[in-house]
Amino acid sequence: MTDYTALAERYVAAWNERDAEARAKAVAELWAEDGGYTDPLAAVTGHDGIAAVIAGAQDMFPGFVFTLGGPVDGHHDIARFTWHLGPESPGGAAEPVVIGFDVVALDEDGRIRDVYGFLDKVPA
């Protein structure tokens, strides 16, 4: 049985990883080799493409951190969760500037096969 909350926490940690080598390792551990990531701004397949999208988000929002925005829900090989992106503050992230919702599909080994991301709140 999959621990969907633990999976989402590892996923968010990968998005927060600033070191390129550690980020590449996190992506390789989470995603299947041919895994994909699709949101309104990107559609990539493979570890290098996914790591590049994460690096691009970090470059666009320096000093911001991703956090889970509520409970994680899942069944079978699917999980869904809301995430927040906001400035890092002593108590965690401040008021989120971006809010998104991701749906994650897992392969038979429990690794991410595909992520479908939606942006619910974005800066003007």
PDB file of N, CA and C in Angstrom:
ATOM      1  N   MET A   1       0.842  -1.177   0.000  1.00  0.00           N
ATOM      2  CA  MET A   1       0.000   0.000   0.000  1.00  0.00           C
ATOM      3  C   MET A   1       0.890   1.245   0.000  1.00  0.00           C
ATOM      4  N   THR A   2       0.537   2.216  -0.804  1.00  0.00           N
ATOM      5  CA  THR A   2       1.328   3.429  -0.948  1.00  0.00           C
ATOM      6  C   THR A   2       0.994   4.434   0.145  1.00  0.00           C
ATOM      7  N   ASP A   3       2.019   5.060   0.705  1.00  0.00           N
ATOM      8  CA  ASP A   3       1.842   6.161   1.644  1.00  0.00           C
ATOM      9  C   ASP A   3       1.854   7.439   0.801  1.00  0.00           C
ATOM     10  N   TYR A   4       0.678   7.896   0.424  1.00  0.00           N
ATOM     11  CA  TYR A   4       0.556   9.030  -0.487  1.00  0.00           C
ATOM     12  C   TYR A   4       1.092  10.319   0.125  1.00  0.00           C
ATOM     13  N   THR A   5       0.930  10.492   1.426  1.00  0.00           N
ATOM     14  CA  THR A   5       1.441  11.701   2.069  1.00  0.00           C
ATOM     15  C   THR A   5       2.965  11.722   2.023  1.00  0.00           C
ATOM     16  N   ALA A   6       3.594  10.604   2.310  1.00  0.00           N
ATOM     17  CA  ALA A   6       5.057  10.526   2.251  1.00  0.00           C
ATOM     18  C   ALA A   6       5.545  10.791   0.831  1.00  0.00           C
ATOM     19  N   LEU A   7       4.848  10.260  -0.152  1.00  0.00           N
ATOM     20  CA  LEU A   7       5.200  10.500  -1.550  1.00  0.00           C
ATOM     21  C   LEU A   7       5.122  11.994  -1.873  1.00  0.00           C
ATOM     22  N   ALA A   8       4.041  12.642  -1.469  1.00  0.00           N
ATOM     23  CA  ALA A   8       3.872  14.074  -1.732  1.00  0.00           C
ATOM     24  C   ALA A   8       4.934  14.893  -1.011  1.00  0.00           C
ATOM     25  N   GLU A   9       5.307  14.491   0.195  1.00  0.00           N
ATOM     26  CA  GLU A   9       6.359  15.198   0.922  1.00  0.00           C
ATOM     27  C   GLU A   9       7.703  15.074   0.217  1.00  0.00           C
ATOM     28  N   ARG A  10       8.015  13.905  -0.296  1.00  0.00           N
ATOM     29  CA  ARG A  10       9.255  13.707  -1.064  1.00  0.00           C
ATOM     30  C   ARG A  10       9.220  14.514  -2.355  1.00  0.00           C
ATOM     31  N   TYR A  11       8.064  14.574  -2.986  1.00  0.00           N
ATOM     32  CA  TYR A  11       7.869  15.335  -4.218  1.00  0.00           C
ATOM     33  C   TYR A  11       8.131  16.821  -3.963  1.00  0.00           C
ATOM     34  N   VAL A  12       7.526  17.366  -2.915  1.00  0.00           N
ATOM     35  CA  VAL A  12       7.722  18.780  -2.559  1.00  0.00           C
ATOM     36  C   VAL A  12       9.187  19.030  -2.209  1.00  0.00           C
ATOM     37  N   ALA A  13       9.817  18.104  -1.498  1.00  0.00           N
ATOM     38  CA  ALA A  13      11.230  18.257  -1.152  1.00  0.00           C
ATOM     39  C   ALA A  13      12.094  18.334  -2.413  1.00  0.00           C
ATOM     40  N   ALA A  14      11.762  17.554  -3.436  1.00  0.00           N
ATOM     41  CA  ALA A  14      12.506  17.611  -4.703  1.00  0.00           C
ATOM     42  C   ALA A  14      12.368  18.992  -5.336  1.00  0.00           C
ATOM     43  N   TRP A  15      11.177  19.570  -5.269  1.00  0.00           N
ATOM     44  CA  TRP A  15      10.952  20.913  -5.823  1.00  0.00           C
ATOM     45  C   TRP A  15      11.690  21.981  -5.023  1.00  0.00           C
ATOM     46  N   ASN A  16      12.003  21.710  -3.768  1.00  0.00           N
ATOM     47  CA  ASN A  16      12.734  22.668  -2.940  1.00  0.00           C
ATOM     48  C   ASN A  16      14.244  22.463  -2.964  1.00  0.00           C
ATOM     49  N   GLU A  17      14.710  21.380  -3.555  1.00  0.00           N
ATOM     50  CA  GLU A  17      16.142  21.065  -3.539  1.00  0.00           C
ATOM     51  C   GLU A  17      16.903  22.034  -4.459  1.00  0.00           C
ATOM     52  N   ARG A  18      17.801  22.809  -3.876  1.00  0.00           N
ATOM     53  CA  ARG A  18      18.554  23.834  -4.624  1.00  0.00           C
ATOM     54  C   ARG A  18      19.823  23.281  -5.267  1.00  0.00           C
ATOM     55  N   ASP A  19      20.402  22.241  -4.674  1.00  0.00           N
ATOM     56  CA  ASP A  19      21.618  21.658  -5.220  1.00  0.00           C
ATOM     57  C   ASP A  19      21.268  20.804  -6.439  1.00  0.00           C
ATOM     58  N   ALA A  20      21.857  21.124  -7.584  1.00  0.00           N
ATOM     59  CA  ALA A  20      21.499  20.447  -8.840  1.00  0.00           C
ATOM     60  C   ALA A  20      21.729  18.938  -8.779  1.00  0.00           C
ATOM     61  N   GLU A  21      22.833  18.523  -8.178  1.00  0.00           N
ATOM     62  CA  GLU A  21      23.133  17.087  -8.096  1.00  0.00           C
ATOM     63  C   GLU A  21      22.137  16.370  -7.188  1.00  0.00           C
ATOM     64  N   ALA A  22      21.847  16.950  -6.036  1.00  0.00           N
ATOM     65  CA  ALA A  22      20.873  16.349  -5.120  1.00  0.00           C
ATOM     66  C   ALA A  22      19.478  16.354  -5.722  1.00  0.00           C
ATOM     67  N   ARG A  23      19.146  17.409  -6.469  1.00  0.00           N
ATOM     68  CA  ARG A  23      17.837  17.480  -7.129  1.00  0.00           C
ATOM     69  C   ARG A  23      17.721  16.385  -8.189  1.00  0.00           C
ATOM     70  N   ALA A  24      18.761  16.188  -8.980  1.00  0.00           N
ATOM     71  CA  ALA A  24      18.751  15.139  -9.999  1.00  0.00           C
ATOM     72  C   ALA A  24      18.565  13.766  -9.356  1.00  0.00           C
ATOM     73  N   LYS A  25      19.220  13.556  -8.215  1.00  0.00           N
ATOM     74  CA  LYS A  25      19.081  12.280  -7.498  1.00  0.00           C
ATOM     75  C   LYS A  25      17.649  12.114  -6.996  1.00  0.00           C
ATOM     76  N   ALA A  26      17.066  13.173  -6.436  1.00  0.00           N
ATOM     77  CA  ALA A  26      15.690  13.098  -5.933  1.00  0.00           C
ATOM     78  C   ALA A  26      14.714  12.800  -7.065  1.00  0.00           C
ATOM     79  N   VAL A  27      14.909  13.440  -8.197  1.00  0.00           N
ATOM     80  CA  VAL A  27      14.034  13.204  -9.356  1.00  0.00           C
ATOM     81  C   VAL A  27      14.171  11.757  -9.815  1.00  0.00           C
ATOM     82  N   ALA A  28      15.399  11.256  -9.888  1.00  0.00           N
ATOM     83  CA  ALA A  28      15.623   9.876 -10.337  1.00  0.00           C
ATOM     84  C   ALA A  28      15.008   8.861  -9.377  1.00  0.00           C
ATOM     85  N   GLU A  29      15.002   9.179  -8.088  1.00  0.00           N
ATOM     86  CA  GLU A  29      14.401   8.265  -7.118  1.00  0.00           C
ATOM     87  C   GLU A  29      12.878   8.301  -7.164  1.00  0.00           C
ATOM     88  N   LEU A  30      12.300   9.454  -7.449  1.00  0.00           N
ATOM     89  CA  LEU A  30      10.846   9.612  -7.441  1.00  0.00           C
ATOM     90  C   LEU A  30      10.183   9.170  -8.738  1.00  0.00           C
ATOM     91  N   TRP A  31      10.754   9.565  -9.881  1.00  0.00           N
ATOM     92  CA  TRP A  31      10.115   9.352 -11.176  1.00  0.00           C
ATOM     93  C   TRP A  31      10.652   8.115 -11.871  1.00  0.00           C
ATOM     94  N   ALA A  32       9.788   7.442 -12.604  1.00  0.00           N
ATOM     95  CA  ALA A  32      10.219   6.394 -13.523  1.00  0.00           C
ATOM     96  C   ALA A  32      11.111   7.049 -14.582  1.00  0.00           C
ATOM     97  N   GLU A  33      11.986   6.270 -15.202  1.00  0.00           N
ATOM     98  CA  GLU A  33      12.919   6.828 -16.178  1.00  0.00           C
ATOM     99  C   GLU A  33      12.228   7.613 -17.279  1.00  0.00           C
ATOM    100  N   ASP A  34      11.097   7.113 -17.741  1.00  0.00           N
ATOM    101  CA  ASP A  34      10.361   7.796 -18.819  1.00  0.00           C
ATOM    102  C   ASP A  34       9.176   8.588 -18.273  1.00  0.00           C
ATOM    103  N   GLY A  35       9.244   8.919 -16.970  1.00  0.00           N
ATOM    104  CA  GLY A  35       8.167   9.658 -16.330  1.00  0.00           C
ATOM    105  C   GLY A  35       8.010  11.047 -16.922  1.00  0.00           C
ATOM    106  N   GLY A  36       6.823  11.608 -16.739  1.00  0.00           N
ATOM    107  CA  GLY A  36       6.535  12.911 -17.316  1.00  0.00           C
ATOM    108  C   GLY A  36       5.990  13.906 -16.310  1.00  0.00           C
ATOM    109  N   TYR A  37       6.048  15.165 -16.725  1.00  0.00           N
ATOM    110  CA  TYR A  37       5.500  16.270 -15.940  1.00  0.00           C
ATOM    111  C   TYR A  37       4.833  17.229 -16.913  1.00  0.00           C
ATOM    112  N   THR A  38       3.561  17.537 -16.650  1.00  0.00           N
ATOM    113  CA  THR A  38       2.810  18.448 -17.513  1.00  0.00           C
ATOM    114  C   THR A  38       2.044  19.435 -16.657  1.00  0.00           C
ATOM    115  N   ASP A  39       2.212  20.715 -16.944  1.00  0.00           N
ATOM    116  CA  ASP A  39       1.391  21.762 -16.338  1.00  0.00           C
ATOM    117  C   ASP A  39       1.155  22.826 -17.415  1.00  0.00           C
ATOM    118  N   PRO A  40       0.459  23.919 -17.118  1.00  0.00           N
ATOM    119  CA  PRO A  40       0.183  24.905 -18.162  1.00  0.00           C
ATOM    120  C   PRO A  40       1.435  25.540 -18.784  1.00  0.00           C
ATOM    121  N   LEU A  41       2.578  25.446 -18.109  1.00  0.00           N
ATOM    122  CA  LEU A  41       3.794  26.094 -18.596  1.00  0.00           C
ATOM    123  C   LEU A  41       4.840  25.128 -19.131  1.00  0.00           C
ATOM    124  N   ALA A  42       4.656  23.828 -18.926  1.00  0.00           N
ATOM    125  CA  ALA A  42       5.678  22.859 -19.308  1.00  0.00           C
ATOM    126  C   ALA A  42       5.066  21.511 -19.626  1.00  0.00           C
ATOM    127  N   ALA A  43       5.733  20.785 -20.500  1.00  0.00           N
ATOM    128  CA  ALA A  43       5.390  19.396 -20.789  1.00  0.00           C
ATOM    129  C   ALA A  43       6.698  18.691 -21.127  1.00  0.00           C
ATOM    130  N   VAL A  44       7.202  17.897 -20.177  1.00  0.00           N
ATOM    131  CA  VAL A  44       8.497  17.250 -20.358  1.00  0.00           C
ATOM    132  C   VAL A  44       8.408  15.778 -19.984  1.00  0.00           C
ATOM    133  N   THR A  45       9.365  15.027 -20.511  1.00  0.00           N
ATOM    134  CA  THR A  45       9.493  13.610 -20.193  1.00  0.00           C
ATOM    135  C   THR A  45      10.947  13.333 -19.857  1.00  0.00           C
ATOM    136  N   GLY A  46      11.165  12.501 -18.869  1.00  0.00           N
ATOM    137  CA  GLY A  46      12.523  12.108 -18.501  1.00  0.00           C
ATOM    138  C   GLY A  46      13.076  12.935 -17.358  1.00  0.00           C
ATOM    139  N   HIS A  47      14.042  12.341 -16.686  1.00  0.00           N
ATOM    140  CA  HIS A  47      14.616  12.952 -15.495  1.00  0.00           C
ATOM    141  C   HIS A  47      15.242  14.317 -15.759  1.00  0.00           C
ATOM    142  N   ASP A  48      15.986  14.451 -16.858  1.00  0.00           N
ATOM    143  CA  ASP A  48      16.650  15.731 -17.138  1.00  0.00           C
ATOM    144  C   ASP A  48      15.634  16.839 -17.372  1.00  0.00           C
ATOM    145  N   GLY A  49      14.576  16.546 -18.114  1.00  0.00           N
ATOM    146  CA  GLY A  49      13.545  17.549 -18.374  1.00  0.00           C
ATOM    147  C   GLY A  49      12.815  17.967 -17.114  1.00  0.00           C
ATOM    148  N   ILE A  50      12.517  17.003 -16.250  1.00  0.00           N
ATOM    149  CA  ILE A  50      11.813  17.299 -15.000  1.00  0.00           C
ATOM    150  C   ILE A  50      12.702  18.144 -14.094  1.00  0.00           C
ATOM    151  N   ALA A  51      13.981  17.767 -13.965  1.00  0.00           N
ATOM    152  CA  ALA A  51      14.908  18.541 -13.137  1.00  0.00           C
ATOM    153  C   ALA A  51      15.060  19.961 -13.675  1.00  0.00           C
ATOM    154  N   ALA A  52      15.043  20.118 -14.988  1.00  0.00           N
ATOM    155  CA  ALA A  52      15.157  21.450 -15.597  1.00  0.00           C
ATOM    156  C   ALA A  52      13.930  22.311 -15.297  1.00  0.00           C
ATOM    157  N   VAL A  53      12.741  21.706 -15.302  1.00  0.00           N
ATOM    158  CA  VAL A  53      11.517  22.457 -14.973  1.00  0.00           C
ATOM    159  C   VAL A  53      11.579  22.926 -13.514  1.00  0.00           C
ATOM    160  N   ILE A  54      12.037  22.058 -12.634  1.00  0.00           N
ATOM    161  CA  ILE A  54      12.162  22.427 -11.222  1.00  0.00           C
ATOM    162  C   ILE A  54      13.160  23.574 -11.073  1.00  0.00           C
ATOM    163  N   ALA A  55      14.312  23.468 -11.728  1.00  0.00           N
ATOM    164  CA  ALA A  55      15.321  24.533 -11.662  1.00  0.00           C
ATOM    165  C   ALA A  55      14.747  25.838 -12.207  1.00  0.00           C
ATOM    166  N   GLY A  56      13.962  25.761 -13.269  1.00  0.00           N
ATOM    167  CA  GLY A  56      13.351  26.957 -13.836  1.00  0.00           C
ATOM    168  C   GLY A  56      12.383  27.627 -12.875  1.00  0.00           C
ATOM    169  N   ALA A  57      11.604  26.834 -12.159  1.00  0.00           N
ATOM    170  CA  ALA A  57      10.679  27.393 -11.163  1.00  0.00           C
ATOM    171  C   ALA A  57      11.455  28.068 -10.037  1.00  0.00           C
ATOM    172  N   GLN A  58      12.547  27.454  -9.620  1.00  0.00           N
ATOM    173  CA  GLN A  58      13.367  28.045  -8.571  1.00  0.00           C
ATOM    174  C   GLN A  58      13.990  29.363  -9.035  1.00  0.00           C
ATOM    175  N   ASP A  59      14.430  29.406 -10.294  1.00  0.00           N
ATOM    176  CA  ASP A  59      15.006  30.639 -10.838  1.00  0.00           C
ATOM    177  C   ASP A  59      13.961  31.745 -10.933  1.00  0.00           C
ATOM    178  N   MET A  60      12.728  31.369 -11.249  1.00  0.00           N
ATOM    179  CA  MET A  60      11.650  32.343 -11.393  1.00  0.00           C
ATOM    180  C   MET A  60      11.217  32.910 -10.039  1.00  0.00           C
ATOM    181  N   PHE A  61      11.356  32.097  -8.979  1.00  0.00           N
ATOM    182  CA  PHE A  61      10.913  32.497  -7.641  1.00  0.00           C
ATOM    183  C   PHE A  61      12.027  32.270  -6.617  1.00  0.00           C
ATOM    184  N   PRO A  62      13.132  33.027  -6.720  1.00  0.00           N
ATOM    185  CA  PRO A  62      14.233  32.817  -5.771  1.00  0.00           C
ATOM    186  C   PRO A  62      13.800  33.114  -4.336  1.00  0.00           C
ATOM    187  N   GLY A  63      14.244  32.260  -3.422  1.00  0.00           N
ATOM    188  CA  GLY A  63      13.909  32.449  -2.013  1.00  0.00           C
ATOM    189  C   GLY A  63      12.537  31.942  -1.631  1.00  0.00           C
ATOM    190  N   PHE A  64      11.800  31.381  -2.583  1.00  0.00           N
ATOM    191  CA  PHE A  64      10.470  30.835  -2.300  1.00  0.00           C
ATOM    192  C   PHE A  64      10.596  29.344  -2.016  1.00  0.00           C
ATOM    193  N   VAL A  65       9.628  28.804  -1.273  1.00  0.00           N
ATOM    194  CA  VAL A  65       9.600  27.372  -0.972  1.00  0.00           C
ATOM    195  C   VAL A  65       8.215  26.802  -1.269  1.00  0.00           C
ATOM    196  N   PHE A  66       8.225  25.549  -1.648  1.00  0.00           N
ATOM    197  CA  PHE A  66       6.994  24.798  -1.855  1.00  0.00           C
ATOM    198  C   PHE A  66       6.605  24.129  -0.543  1.00  0.00           C
ATOM    199  N   THR A  67       5.313  24.110  -0.245  1.00  0.00           N
ATOM    200  CA  THR A  67       4.784  23.389   0.906  1.00  0.00           C
ATOM    201  C   THR A  67       3.491  22.701   0.486  1.00  0.00           C
ATOM    202  N   LEU A  68       3.142  21.649   1.193  1.00  0.00           N
ATOM    203  CA  LEU A  68       1.844  21.037   0.952  1.00  0.00           C
ATOM    204  C   LEU A  68       0.768  21.992   1.455  1.00  0.00           C
ATOM    205  N   GLY A  69      -0.311  22.114   0.696  1.00  0.00           N
ATOM    206  CA  GLY A  69      -1.368  23.052   1.040  1.00  0.00           C
ATOM    207  C   GLY A  69      -2.556  22.413   1.724  1.00  0.00           C
ATOM    208  N   GLY A  70      -2.426  21.167   2.134  1.00  0.00           N
ATOM    209  CA  GLY A  70      -3.532  20.470   2.785  1.00  0.00           C
ATOM    210  C   GLY A  70      -3.291  18.982   2.738  1.00  0.00           C
ATOM    211  N   PRO A  71      -4.321  18.211   3.039  1.00  0.00           N
ATOM    212  CA  PRO A  71      -4.155  16.754   3.052  1.00  0.00           C
ATOM    213  C   PRO A  71      -3.928  16.195   1.650  1.00  0.00           C
ATOM    214  N   VAL A  72      -3.295  15.041   1.617  1.00  0.00           N
ATOM    215  CA  VAL A  72      -3.038  14.316   0.384  1.00  0.00           C
ATOM    216  C   VAL A  72      -4.079  13.214   0.275  1.00  0.00           C
ATOM    217  N   ASP A  73      -4.651  13.061  -0.906  1.00  0.00           N
ATOM    218  CA  ASP A  73      -5.671  12.042  -1.139  1.00  0.00           C
ATOM    219  C   ASP A  73      -5.153  11.087  -2.200  1.00  0.00           C
ATOM    220  N   GLY A  74      -5.437   9.805  -2.054  1.00  0.00           N
ATOM    221  CA  GLY A  74      -4.980   8.853  -3.053  1.00  0.00           C
ATOM    222  C   GLY A  74      -5.733   7.547  -2.999  1.00  0.00           C
ATOM    223  N   HIS A  75      -5.699   6.866  -4.117  1.00  0.00           N
ATOM    224  CA  HIS A  75      -6.228   5.503  -4.208  1.00  0.00           C
ATOM    225  C   HIS A  75      -5.586   4.837  -5.416  1.00  0.00           C
ATOM    226  N   HIS A  76      -5.531   3.529  -5.380  1.00  0.00           N
ATOM    227  CA  HIS A  76      -4.904   2.737  -6.435  1.00  0.00           C
ATOM    228  C   HIS A  76      -3.522   3.308  -6.745  1.00  0.00           C
ATOM    229  N   ASP A  77      -3.305   3.797  -7.951  1.00  0.00           N
ATOM    230  CA  ASP A  77      -1.999   4.339  -8.324  1.00  0.00           C
ATOM    231  C   ASP A  77      -2.067   5.849  -8.593  1.00  0.00           C
ATOM    232  N   ILE A  78      -3.023   6.533  -7.956  1.00  0.00           N
ATOM    233  CA  ILE A  78      -3.237   7.968  -8.181  1.00  0.00           C
ATOM    234  C   ILE A  78      -3.237   8.715  -6.841  1.00  0.00           C
ATOM    235  N   ALA A  79      -2.578   9.869  -6.821  1.00  0.00           N
ATOM    236  CA  ALA A  79      -2.616  10.762  -5.653  1.00  0.00           C
ATOM    237  C   ALA A  79      -2.895  12.174  -6.136  1.00  0.00           C
ATOM    238  N   ARG A  80      -3.498  12.966  -5.254  1.00  0.00           N
ATOM    239  CA  ARG A  80      -3.739  14.373  -5.580  1.00  0.00           C
ATOM    240  C   ARG A  80      -3.493  15.211  -4.336  1.00  0.00           C
ATOM    241  N   PHE A  81      -2.989  16.415  -4.569  1.00  0.00           N
ATOM    242  CA  PHE A  81      -2.700  17.309  -3.448  1.00  0.00           C
ATOM    243  C   PHE A  81      -2.543  18.737  -3.954  1.00  0.00           C
ATOM    244  N   THR A  82      -2.784  19.663  -3.038  1.00  0.00           N
ATOM    245  CA  THR A  82      -2.575  21.080  -3.297  1.00  0.00           C
ATOM    246  C   THR A  82      -1.219  21.458  -2.727  1.00  0.00           C
ATOM    247  N   TRP A  83      -0.535  22.341  -3.418  1.00  0.00           N
ATOM    248  CA  TRP A  83       0.738  22.856  -2.938  1.00  0.00           C
ATOM    249  C   TRP A  83       0.719  24.379  -2.975  1.00  0.00           C
ATOM    250  N   HIS A  84       1.577  24.963  -2.151  1.00  0.00           N
ATOM    251  CA  HIS A  84       1.731  26.418  -2.087  1.00  0.00           C
ATOM    252  C   HIS A  84       3.176  26.761  -2.403  1.00  0.00           C
ATOM    253  N   LEU A  85       3.380  27.917  -2.999  1.00  0.00           N
ATOM    254  CA  LEU A  85       4.718  28.457  -3.227  1.00  0.00           C
ATOM    255  C   LEU A  85       4.731  29.883  -2.708  1.00  0.00           C
ATOM    256  N   GLY A  86       5.614  30.136  -1.750  1.00  0.00           N
ATOM    257  CA  GLY A  86       5.686  31.472  -1.171  1.00  0.00           C
ATOM    258  C   GLY A  86       7.053  31.757  -0.610  1.00  0.00           C
ATOM    259  N   PRO A  87       7.277  32.992  -0.197  1.00  0.00           N
ATOM    260  CA  PRO A  87       8.578  33.359   0.363  1.00  0.00           C
ATOM    261  C   PRO A  87       8.879  32.530   1.613  1.00  0.00           C
ATOM    262  N   GLU A  88      10.129  32.146   1.729  1.00  0.00           N
ATOM    263  CA  GLU A  88      10.549  31.414   2.917  1.00  0.00           C
ATOM    264  C   GLU A  88      10.549  32.368   4.103  1.00  0.00           C
ATOM    265  N   SER A  89      10.041  31.889   5.228  1.00  0.00           N
ATOM    266  CA  SER A  89      10.019  32.693   6.441  1.00  0.00           C
ATOM    267  C   SER A  89      10.421  31.805   7.608  1.00  0.00           C
ATOM    268  N   PRO A  90      10.732  32.393   8.771  1.00  0.00           N
ATOM    269  CA  PRO A  90      11.194  31.577   9.907  1.00  0.00           C
ATOM    270  C   PRO A  90      10.241  30.439  10.284  1.00  0.00           C
ATOM    271  N   GLY A  91       8.957  30.618  10.124  1.00  0.00           N
ATOM    272  CA  GLY A  91       7.998  29.581  10.480  1.00  0.00           C
ATOM    273  C   GLY A  91       7.605  28.701   9.305  1.00  0.00           C
ATOM    274  N   GLY A  92       8.362  28.744   8.218  1.00  0.00           N
ATOM    275  CA  GLY A  92       8.015  28.001   7.007  1.00  0.00           C
ATOM    276  C   GLY A  92       7.762  28.979   5.886  1.00  0.00           C
ATOM    277  N   ALA A  93       6.790  28.709   5.038  1.00  0.00           N
ATOM    278  CA  ALA A  93       6.478  29.611   3.930  1.00  0.00           C
ATOM    279  C   ALA A  93       5.481  30.658   4.400  1.00  0.00           C
ATOM    280  N   ALA A  94       5.642  31.855   3.896  1.00  0.00           N
ATOM    281  CA  ALA A  94       4.695  32.933   4.177  1.00  0.00           C
ATOM    282  C   ALA A  94       3.461  32.740   3.280  1.00  0.00           C
ATOM    283  N   GLU A  95       2.633  33.752   3.211  1.00  0.00           N
ATOM    284  CA  GLU A  95       1.431  33.691   2.356  1.00  0.00           C
ATOM    285  C   GLU A  95       1.825  33.247   0.947  1.00  0.00           C
ATOM    286  N   PRO A  96       1.171  32.212   0.400  1.00  0.00           N
ATOM    287  CA  PRO A  96       1.571  31.723  -0.923  1.00  0.00           C
ATOM    288  C   PRO A  96       1.276  32.742  -2.032  1.00  0.00           C
ATOM    289  N   VAL A  97       2.232  32.842  -2.938  1.00  0.00           N
ATOM    290  CA  VAL A  97       2.079  33.677  -4.126  1.00  0.00           C
ATOM    291  C   VAL A  97       1.470  32.841  -5.248  1.00  0.00           C
ATOM    292  N   VAL A  98       1.801  31.548  -5.245  1.00  0.00           N
ATOM    293  CA  VAL A  98       1.277  30.602  -6.234  1.00  0.00           C
ATOM    294  C   VAL A  98       0.650  29.439  -5.477  1.00  0.00           C
ATOM    295  N   ILE A  99      -0.503  28.992  -5.951  1.00  0.00           N
ATOM    296  CA  ILE A  99      -1.157  27.801  -5.416  1.00  0.00           C
ATOM    297  C   ILE A  99      -1.454  26.882  -6.595  1.00  0.00           C
ATOM    298  N   GLY A 100      -1.108  25.619  -6.436  1.00  0.00           N
ATOM    299  CA  GLY A 100      -1.342  24.659  -7.499  1.00  0.00           C
ATOM    300  C   GLY A 100      -1.942  23.371  -6.957  1.00  0.00           C
ATOM    301  N   PHE A 101      -2.344  22.546  -7.886  1.00  0.00           N
ATOM    302  CA  PHE A 101      -2.977  21.263  -7.577  1.00  0.00           C
ATOM    303  C   PHE A 101      -2.361  20.237  -8.518  1.00  0.00           C
ATOM    304  N   ASP A 102      -1.775  19.180  -7.982  1.00  0.00           N
ATOM    305  CA  ASP A 102      -1.142  18.164  -8.808  1.00  0.00           C
ATOM    306  C   ASP A 102      -1.832  16.814  -8.639  1.00  0.00           C
ATOM    307  N   VAL A 103      -1.910  16.108  -9.740  1.00  0.00           N
ATOM    308  CA  VAL A 103      -2.385  14.730  -9.775  1.00  0.00           C
ATOM    309  C   VAL A 103      -1.195  13.887 -10.222  1.00  0.00           C
ATOM    310  N   VAL A 104      -0.870  12.880  -9.428  1.00  0.00           N
ATOM    311  CA  VAL A 104       0.304  12.056  -9.663  1.00  0.00           C
ATOM    312  C   VAL A 104      -0.142  10.623  -9.946  1.00  0.00           C
ATOM    313  N   ALA A 105       0.322  10.064 -11.058  1.00  0.00           N
ATOM    314  CA  ALA A 105       0.051   8.667 -11.403  1.00  0.00           C
ATOM    315  C   ALA A 105       1.335   7.867 -11.208  1.00  0.00           C
ATOM    316  N   LEU A 106       1.222   6.749 -10.505  1.00  0.00           N
ATOM    317  CA  LEU A 106       2.379   5.928 -10.181  1.00  0.00           C
ATOM    318  C   LEU A 106       2.452   4.691 -11.075  1.00  0.00           C
ATOM    319  N   ASP A 107       3.673   4.193 -11.265  1.00  0.00           N
ATOM    320  CA  ASP A 107       3.823   2.934 -11.998  1.00  0.00           C
ATOM    321  C   ASP A 107       3.738   1.767 -11.028  1.00  0.00           C
ATOM    322  N   GLU A 108       3.940   0.575 -11.514  1.00  0.00           N
ATOM    323  CA  GLU A 108       3.794  -0.627 -10.689  1.00  0.00           C
ATOM    324  C   GLU A 108       4.861  -0.725  -9.598  1.00  0.00           C
ATOM    325  N   ASP A 109       5.955   0.041  -9.735  1.00  0.00           N
ATOM    326  CA  ASP A 109       7.004   0.059  -8.720  1.00  0.00           C
ATOM    327  C   ASP A 109       6.818   1.175  -7.698  1.00  0.00           C
ATOM    328  N   GLY A 110       5.730   1.936  -7.826  1.00  0.00           N
ATOM    329  CA  GLY A 110       5.469   3.030  -6.898  1.00  0.00           C
ATOM    330  C   GLY A 110       6.205   4.314  -7.224  1.00  0.00           C
ATOM    331  N   ARG A 111       6.833   4.362  -8.403  1.00  0.00           N
ATOM    332  CA  ARG A 111       7.507   5.590  -8.845  1.00  0.00           C
ATOM    333  C   ARG A 111       6.542   6.399  -9.698  1.00  0.00           C
ATOM    334  N   ILE A 112       6.792   7.683  -9.790  1.00  0.00           N
ATOM    335  CA  ILE A 112       5.903   8.569 -10.541  1.00  0.00           C
ATOM    336  C   ILE A 112       6.022   8.277 -12.034  1.00  0.00           C
ATOM    337  N   ARG A 113       4.891   8.010 -12.648  1.00  0.00           N
ATOM    338  CA  ARG A 113       4.818   7.820 -14.088  1.00  0.00           C
ATOM    339  C   ARG A 113       4.492   9.146 -14.763  1.00  0.00           C
ATOM    340  N   ASP A 114       3.520   9.877 -14.193  1.00  0.00           N
ATOM    341  CA  ASP A 114       3.108  11.158 -14.760  1.00  0.00           C
ATOM    342  C   ASP A 114       2.603  12.078 -13.665  1.00  0.00           C
ATOM    343  N   VAL A 115       2.851  13.370 -13.851  1.00  0.00           N
ATOM    344  CA  VAL A 115       2.283  14.413 -13.000  1.00  0.00           C
ATOM    345  C   VAL A 115       1.497  15.335 -13.913  1.00  0.00           C
ATOM    346  N   TYR A 116       0.282  15.650 -13.490  1.00  0.00           N
ATOM    347  CA  TYR A 116      -0.564  16.612 -14.193  1.00  0.00           C
ATOM    348  C   TYR A 116      -0.808  17.758 -13.229  1.00  0.00           C
ATOM    349  N   GLY A 117      -0.221  18.908 -13.523  1.00  0.00           N
ATOM    350  CA  GLY A 117      -0.296  20.051 -12.629  1.00  0.00           C
ATOM    351  C   GLY A 117      -1.247  21.118 -13.119  1.00  0.00           C
ATOM    352  N   PHE A 118      -1.912  21.751 -12.169  1.00  0.00           N
ATOM    353  CA  PHE A 118      -2.847  22.842 -12.443  1.00  0.00           C
ATOM    354  C   PHE A 118      -2.464  24.020 -11.572  1.00  0.00           C
ATOM    355  N   LEU A 119      -2.575  25.229 -12.115  1.00  0.00           N
ATOM    356  CA  LEU A 119      -2.263  26.442 -11.362  1.00  0.00           C
ATOM    357  C   LEU A 119      -3.564  27.126 -10.988  1.00  0.00           C
ATOM    358  N   ASP A 120      -3.809  27.208  -9.680  1.00  0.00           N
ATOM    359  CA  ASP A 120      -5.051  27.797  -9.185  1.00  0.00           C
ATOM    360  C   ASP A 120      -4.899  29.276  -8.866  1.00  0.00           C
ATOM    361  N   LYS A 121      -3.697  29.697  -8.489  1.00  0.00           N
ATOM    362  CA  LYS A 121      -3.439  31.096  -8.181  1.00  0.00           C
ATOM    363  C   LYS A 121      -2.031  31.417  -8.692  1.00  0.00           C
ATOM    364  N   VAL A 122      -1.938  32.452  -9.512  1.00  0.00           N
ATOM    365  CA  VAL A 122      -0.630  32.878 -10.035  1.00  0.00           C
ATOM    366  C   VAL A 122      -0.519  34.392  -9.909  1.00  0.00           C
ATOM    367  N   PRO A 123       0.704  34.907  -9.818  1.00  0.00           N
ATOM    368  CA  PRO A 123       0.873  36.355  -9.747  1.00  0.00           C
ATOM    369  C   PRO A 123       0.377  37.026 -11.030  1.00  0.00           C
ATOM    370  N   ALA A 124      -0.077  38.251 -10.892  1.00  0.00           N
ATOM    371  CA  ALA A 124      -0.586  39.000 -12.055  1.00  0.00           C
ATOM    372  C   ALA A 124       0.508  39.298 -13.046  1.00  0.00           C
TER     373      ALA A 124
END
